[in-house]
């Protein structure tokens, strides 16, 4: 029975800790969220274009090597 009480107490403390941490969350403003989203989209696009270029160069090199 003591283990059940201890587990219950630990679970309750864990829930209180989660609630306290959730109160500390600060959400970005709408303009900040939009800027961050656009930055992620642009960087992802640039990285995708870079990988496409590398893939293209490697495919040409493989075709050349294999004849």
PDB file of N, CA and C in Angstrom:
ATOM      1  N   UNK A   1       0.816  -1.197   0.000  1.00  0.00           N
ATOM      2  CA  UNK A   1       0.000   0.000   0.000  1.00  0.00           C
ATOM      3  C   UNK A   1       0.864   1.268   0.000  1.00  0.00           C
ATOM      4  N   UNK A   2       2.015   1.174   0.666  1.00  0.00           N
ATOM      5  CA  UNK A   2       2.893   2.338   0.717  1.00  0.00           C
ATOM      6  C   UNK A   2       3.437   2.685  -0.659  1.00  0.00           C
ATOM      7  N   UNK A   3       3.699   1.656  -1.461  1.00  0.00           N
ATOM      8  CA  UNK A   3       4.209   1.912  -2.809  1.00  0.00           C
ATOM      9  C   UNK A   3       3.167   2.638  -3.643  1.00  0.00           C
ATOM     10  N   UNK A   4       1.916   2.299  -3.470  1.00  0.00           N
ATOM     11  CA  UNK A   4       0.840   2.967  -4.214  1.00  0.00           C
ATOM     12  C   UNK A   4       0.738   4.425  -3.793  1.00  0.00           C
ATOM     13  N   UNK A   5       0.820   4.688  -2.488  1.00  0.00           N
ATOM     14  CA  UNK A   5       0.770   6.081  -2.013  1.00  0.00           C
ATOM     15  C   UNK A   5       1.965   6.877  -2.515  1.00  0.00           C
ATOM     16  N   UNK A   6       3.141   6.244  -2.486  1.00  0.00           N
ATOM     17  CA  UNK A   6       4.350   6.921  -2.959  1.00  0.00           C
ATOM     18  C   UNK A   6       4.232   7.227  -4.446  1.00  0.00           C
ATOM     19  N   UNK A   7       3.765   6.252  -5.219  1.00  0.00           N
ATOM     20  CA  UNK A   7       3.593   6.460  -6.650  1.00  0.00           C
ATOM     21  C   UNK A   7       2.578   7.558  -6.920  1.00  0.00           C
ATOM     22  N   UNK A   8       1.502   7.559  -6.149  1.00  0.00           N
ATOM     23  CA  UNK A   8       0.479   8.595  -6.297  1.00  0.00           C
ATOM     24  C   UNK A   8       1.047   9.969  -5.959  1.00  0.00           C
ATOM     25  N   UNK A   9       1.833  10.036  -4.903  1.00  0.00           N
ATOM     26  CA  UNK A   9       2.449  11.304  -4.497  1.00  0.00           C
ATOM     27  C   UNK A   9       3.431  11.789  -5.562  1.00  0.00           C
ATOM     28  N   UNK A  10       4.245  10.869  -6.098  1.00  0.00           N
ATOM     29  CA  UNK A  10       5.208  11.245  -7.129  1.00  0.00           C
ATOM     30  C   UNK A  10       4.505  11.695  -8.401  1.00  0.00           C
ATOM     31  N   UNK A  11       3.411  11.031  -8.743  1.00  0.00           N
ATOM     32  CA  UNK A  11       2.647  11.407  -9.930  1.00  0.00           C
ATOM     33  C   UNK A  11       2.039  12.794  -9.757  1.00  0.00           C
ATOM     34  N   UNK A  12       1.507  13.066  -8.568  1.00  0.00           N
ATOM     35  CA  UNK A  12       0.922  14.385  -8.300  1.00  0.00           C
ATOM     36  C   UNK A  12       1.993  15.469  -8.369  1.00  0.00           C
ATOM     37  N   UNK A  13       3.181  15.194  -7.816  1.00  0.00           N
ATOM     38  CA  UNK A  13       4.265  16.176  -7.866  1.00  0.00           C
ATOM     39  C   UNK A  13       4.708  16.411  -9.302  1.00  0.00           C
ATOM     40  N   UNK A  14       4.770  15.340 -10.083  1.00  0.00           N
ATOM     41  CA  UNK A  14       5.139  15.464 -11.493  1.00  0.00           C
ATOM     42  C   UNK A  14       4.140  16.347 -12.234  1.00  0.00           C
ATOM     43  N   UNK A  15       2.855  16.149 -11.976  1.00  0.00           N
ATOM     44  CA  UNK A  15       1.823  16.966 -12.616  1.00  0.00           C
ATOM     45  C   UNK A  15       1.956  18.431 -12.207  1.00  0.00           C
ATOM     46  N   UNK A  16       2.260  18.693 -10.939  1.00  0.00           N
ATOM     47  CA  UNK A  16       2.455  20.076 -10.472  1.00  0.00           C
ATOM     48  C   UNK A  16       3.669  20.705 -11.149  1.00  0.00           C
ATOM     49  N   UNK A  17       4.741  19.918 -11.296  1.00  0.00           N
ATOM     50  CA  UNK A  17       5.941  20.426 -11.965  1.00  0.00           C
ATOM     51  C   UNK A  17       5.644  20.782 -13.424  1.00  0.00           C
ATOM     52  N   UNK A  18       4.879  19.937 -14.091  1.00  0.00           N
ATOM     53  CA  UNK A  18       4.507  20.225 -15.477  1.00  0.00           C
ATOM     54  C   UNK A  18       3.700  21.512 -15.556  1.00  0.00           C
ATOM     55  N   UNK A  19       2.767  21.674 -14.638  1.00  0.00           N
ATOM     56  CA  UNK A  19       1.937  22.887 -14.633  1.00  0.00           C
ATOM     57  C   UNK A  19       2.797  24.127 -14.408  1.00  0.00           C
ATOM     58  N   UNK A  20       3.750  24.049 -13.486  1.00  0.00           N
ATOM     59  CA  UNK A  20       4.629  25.197 -13.230  1.00  0.00           C
ATOM     60  C   UNK A  20       5.489  25.528 -14.442  1.00  0.00           C
ATOM     61  N   UNK A  21       6.005  24.515 -15.116  1.00  0.00           N
ATOM     62  CA  UNK A  21       6.808  24.755 -16.315  1.00  0.00           C
ATOM     63  C   UNK A  21       5.950  25.329 -17.437  1.00  0.00           C
ATOM     64  N   UNK A  22       4.713  24.868 -17.556  1.00  0.00           N
ATOM     65  CA  UNK A  22       3.825  25.363 -18.608  1.00  0.00           C
ATOM     66  C   UNK A  22       3.510  26.844 -18.406  1.00  0.00           C
ATOM     67  N   UNK A  23       3.502  27.298 -17.181  1.00  0.00           N
ATOM     68  CA  UNK A  23       3.240  28.719 -16.912  1.00  0.00           C
ATOM     69  C   UNK A  23       4.394  29.607 -17.370  1.00  0.00           C
ATOM     70  N   UNK A  24       5.586  29.031 -17.500  1.00  0.00           N
ATOM     71  CA  UNK A  24       6.764  29.804 -17.905  1.00  0.00           C
ATOM     72  C   UNK A  24       6.912  29.935 -19.410  1.00  0.00           C
ATOM     73  N   UNK A  25       6.112  29.235 -20.170  1.00  0.00           N
ATOM     74  CA  UNK A  25       6.231  29.257 -21.626  1.00  0.00           C
ATOM     75  C   UNK A  25       5.883  30.645 -22.157  1.00  0.00           C
ATOM     76  N   UNK A  26       6.729  31.161 -23.020  1.00  0.00           N
ATOM     77  CA  UNK A  26       6.426  32.432 -23.692  1.00  0.00           C
ATOM     78  C   UNK A  26       6.314  32.149 -25.186  1.00  0.00           C
ATOM     79  N   UNK A  27       5.176  32.471 -25.745  1.00  0.00           N
ATOM     80  CA  UNK A  27       4.936  32.216 -27.159  1.00  0.00           C
ATOM     81  C   UNK A  27       5.393  33.418 -27.967  1.00  0.00           C
ATOM     82  N   UNK A  28       5.910  33.196 -29.175  1.00  0.00           N
ATOM     83  CA  UNK A  28       6.332  34.330 -30.008  1.00  0.00           C
ATOM     84  C   UNK A  28       5.112  35.114 -30.488  1.00  0.00           C
ATOM     85  N   UNK A  29       5.349  36.373 -30.782  1.00  0.00           N
ATOM     86  CA  UNK A  29       4.265  37.184 -31.326  1.00  0.00           C
ATOM     87  C   UNK A  29       3.989  36.726 -32.764  1.00  0.00           C
ATOM     88  N   UNK A  30       2.879  37.183 -33.313  1.00  0.00           N
ATOM     89  CA  UNK A  30       2.525  36.774 -34.672  1.00  0.00           C
ATOM     90  C   UNK A  30       3.596  37.179 -35.691  1.00  0.00           C
ATOM     91  N   UNK A  31       4.111  38.433 -35.644  1.00  0.00           N
ATOM     92  CA  UNK A  31       5.172  38.798 -36.601  1.00  0.00           C
ATOM     93  C   UNK A  31       6.439  37.941 -36.445  1.00  0.00           C
ATOM     94  N   UNK A  32       6.810  37.632 -35.198  1.00  0.00           N
ATOM     95  CA  UNK A  32       7.979  36.784 -34.982  1.00  0.00           C
ATOM     96  C   UNK A  32       7.754  35.391 -35.552  1.00  0.00           C
ATOM     97  N   UNK A  33       6.567  34.846 -35.361  1.00  0.00           N
ATOM     98  CA  UNK A  33       6.255  33.512 -35.880  1.00  0.00           C
ATOM     99  C   UNK A  33       6.280  33.499 -37.408  1.00  0.00           C
ATOM    100  N   UNK A  34       5.765  34.555 -38.017  1.00  0.00           N
ATOM    101  CA  UNK A  34       5.756  34.640 -39.474  1.00  0.00           C
ATOM    102  C   UNK A  34       7.190  34.738 -40.004  1.00  0.00           C
ATOM    103  N   UNK A  35       8.024  35.578 -39.380  1.00  0.00           N
ATOM    104  CA  UNK A  35       9.420  35.721 -39.814  1.00  0.00           C
ATOM    105  C   UNK A  35      10.172  34.395 -39.677  1.00  0.00           C
ATOM    106  N   UNK A  36       9.971  33.724 -38.569  1.00  0.00           N
ATOM    107  CA  UNK A  36      10.651  32.438 -38.352  1.00  0.00           C
ATOM    108  C   UNK A  36      10.194  31.404 -39.367  1.00  0.00           C
ATOM    109  N   UNK A  37       8.901  31.375 -39.646  1.00  0.00           N
ATOM    110  CA  UNK A  37       8.371  30.421 -40.619  1.00  0.00           C
ATOM    111  C   UNK A  37       8.936  30.690 -42.008  1.00  0.00           C
ATOM    112  N   UNK A  38       8.968  31.954 -42.402  1.00  0.00           N
ATOM    113  CA  UNK A  38       9.524  32.296 -43.712  1.00  0.00           C
ATOM    114  C   UNK A  38      11.009  31.948 -43.790  1.00  0.00           C
ATOM    115  N   UNK A  39      11.737  32.171 -42.698  1.00  0.00           N
ATOM    116  CA  UNK A  39      13.158  31.825 -42.688  1.00  0.00           C
ATOM    117  C   UNK A  39      13.353  30.326 -42.873  1.00  0.00           C
ATOM    118  N   UNK A  40      12.533  29.533 -42.212  1.00  0.00           N
ATOM    119  CA  UNK A  40      12.634  28.072 -42.352  1.00  0.00           C
ATOM    120  C   UNK A  40      12.308  27.646 -43.776  1.00  0.00           C
ATOM    121  N   UNK A  41      11.285  28.241 -44.375  1.00  0.00           N
ATOM    122  CA  UNK A  41      10.901  27.894 -45.746  1.00  0.00           C
ATOM    123  C   UNK A  41      12.019  28.258 -46.724  1.00  0.00           C
ATOM    124  N   UNK A  42      12.590  29.444 -46.590  1.00  0.00           N
ATOM    125  CA  UNK A  42      13.655  29.893 -47.494  1.00  0.00           C
ATOM    126  C   UNK A  42      14.896  29.014 -47.336  1.00  0.00           C
ATOM    127  N   UNK A  43      15.311  28.765 -46.109  1.00  0.00           N
ATOM    128  CA  UNK A  43      16.504  27.945 -45.878  1.00  0.00           C
ATOM    129  C   UNK A  43      16.280  26.526 -46.388  1.00  0.00           C
ATOM    130  N   UNK A  44      15.089  25.981 -46.169  1.00  0.00           N
ATOM    131  CA  UNK A  44      14.778  24.637 -46.668  1.00  0.00           C
ATOM    132  C   UNK A  44      14.822  24.597 -48.195  1.00  0.00           C
ATOM    133  N   UNK A  45      14.305  25.632 -48.836  1.00  0.00           N
ATOM    134  CA  UNK A  45      14.347  25.712 -50.292  1.00  0.00           C
ATOM    135  C   UNK A  45      15.767  25.790 -50.814  1.00  0.00           C
ATOM    136  N   UNK A  46      16.597  26.600 -50.168  1.00  0.00           N
ATOM    137  CA  UNK A  46      17.995  26.710 -50.590  1.00  0.00           C
ATOM    138  C   UNK A  46      18.730  25.385 -50.411  1.00  0.00           C
ATOM    139  N   UNK A  47      18.495  24.724 -49.311  1.00  0.00           N
ATOM    140  CA  UNK A  47      19.144  23.439 -49.063  1.00  0.00           C
ATOM    141  C   UNK A  47      18.670  22.391 -50.070  1.00  0.00           C
ATOM    142  N   UNK A  48      17.380  22.404 -50.381  1.00  0.00           N
ATOM    143  CA  UNK A  48      16.844  21.465 -51.373  1.00  0.00           C
ATOM    144  C   UNK A  48      17.469  21.731 -52.748  1.00  0.00           C
ATOM    145  N   UNK A  49      17.613  23.002 -53.116  1.00  0.00           N
ATOM    146  CA  UNK A  49      18.233  23.339 -54.402  1.00  0.00           C
ATOM    147  C   UNK A  49      19.696  22.892 -54.426  1.00  0.00           C
ATOM    148  N   UNK A  50      20.401  23.079 -53.339  1.00  0.00           N
ATOM    149  CA  UNK A  50      21.793  22.636 -53.250  1.00  0.00           C
ATOM    150  C   UNK A  50      21.887  21.122 -53.423  1.00  0.00           C
ATOM    151  N   UNK A  51      21.034  20.381 -52.714  1.00  0.00           N
ATOM    152  CA  UNK A  51      21.057  18.925 -52.840  1.00  0.00           C
ATOM    153  C   UNK A  51      20.677  18.471 -54.243  1.00  0.00           C
ATOM    154  N   UNK A  52      19.751  19.160 -54.872  1.00  0.00           N
ATOM    155  CA  UNK A  52      19.387  18.820 -56.244  1.00  0.00           C
ATOM    156  C   UNK A  52      20.576  19.045 -57.169  1.00  0.00           C
ATOM    157  N   UNK A  53      21.319  20.125 -56.967  1.00  0.00           N
ATOM    158  CA  UNK A  53      22.511  20.394 -57.779  1.00  0.00           C
ATOM    159  C   UNK A  53      23.581  19.336 -57.574  1.00  0.00           C
ATOM    160  N   UNK A  54      23.816  18.950 -56.329  1.00  0.00           N
ATOM    161  CA  UNK A  54      24.802  17.908 -56.045  1.00  0.00           C
ATOM    162  C   UNK A  54      24.370  16.598 -56.677  1.00  0.00           C
ATOM    163  N   UNK A  55      23.092  16.264 -56.576  1.00  0.00           N
ATOM    164  CA  UNK A  55      22.569  15.041 -57.181  1.00  0.00           C
ATOM    165  C   UNK A  55      22.766  15.062 -58.695  1.00  0.00           C
ATOM    166  N   UNK A  56      22.510  16.196 -59.289  1.00  0.00           N
ATOM    167  CA  UNK A  56      22.674  16.328 -60.744  1.00  0.00           C
ATOM    168  C   UNK A  56      24.133  16.118 -61.159  1.00  0.00           C
ATOM    169  N   UNK A  57      25.041  16.751 -60.424  1.00  0.00           N
ATOM    170  CA  UNK A  57      26.466  16.615 -60.735  1.00  0.00           C
ATOM    171  C   UNK A  57      26.910  15.165 -60.566  1.00  0.00           C
ATOM    172  N   UNK A  58      26.481  14.515 -59.487  1.00  0.00           N
ATOM    173  CA  UNK A  58      26.856  13.118 -59.286  1.00  0.00           C
ATOM    174  C   UNK A  58      26.264  12.213 -60.357  1.00  0.00           C
ATOM    175  N   UNK A  59      25.051  12.495 -60.788  1.00  0.00           N
ATOM    176  CA  UNK A  59      24.450  11.648 -61.819  1.00  0.00           C
ATOM    177  C   UNK A  59      25.214  11.787 -63.144  1.00  0.00           C
ATOM    178  N   UNK A  60      25.667  12.994 -63.457  1.00  0.00           N
ATOM    179  CA  UNK A  60      26.480  13.182 -64.660  1.00  0.00           C
ATOM    180  C   UNK A  60      27.810  12.446 -64.519  1.00  0.00           C
ATOM    181  N   UNK A  61      28.433  12.524 -63.341  1.00  0.00           N
ATOM    182  CA  UNK A  61      29.704  11.853 -63.113  1.00  0.00           C
ATOM    183  C   UNK A  61      29.549  10.338 -63.209  1.00  0.00           C
ATOM    184  N   UNK A  62      28.495   9.790 -62.681  1.00  0.00           N
ATOM    185  CA  UNK A  62      28.274   8.344 -62.736  1.00  0.00           C
ATOM    186  C   UNK A  62      28.037   7.917 -64.172  1.00  0.00           C
ATOM    187  N   UNK A  63      27.247   8.673 -64.921  1.00  0.00           N
ATOM    188  CA  UNK A  63      27.022   8.345 -66.343  1.00  0.00           C
ATOM    189  C   UNK A  63      28.336   8.362 -67.117  1.00  0.00           C
ATOM    190  N   UNK A  64      29.201   9.332 -66.816  1.00  0.00           N
ATOM    191  CA  UNK A  64      30.498   9.430 -67.484  1.00  0.00           C
ATOM    192  C   UNK A  64      31.381   8.223 -67.150  1.00  0.00           C
ATOM    193  N   UNK A  65      31.401   7.852 -65.867  1.00  0.00           N
ATOM    194  CA  UNK A  65      32.242   6.742 -65.425  1.00  0.00           C
ATOM    195  C   UNK A  65      31.756   5.406 -66.009  1.00  0.00           C
ATOM    196  N   UNK A  66      30.444   5.200 -65.995  1.00  0.00           N
ATOM    197  CA  UNK A  66      29.896   3.931 -66.464  1.00  0.00           C
ATOM    198  C   UNK A  66      29.755   3.878 -67.982  1.00  0.00           C
ATOM    199  N   UNK A  67      29.947   4.982 -68.597  1.00  0.00           N
ATOM    200  CA  UNK A  67      29.975   5.010 -70.060  1.00  0.00           C
ATOM    201  C   UNK A  67      28.649   5.148 -70.671  1.00  0.00           C
TER     202      UNK A  67
END
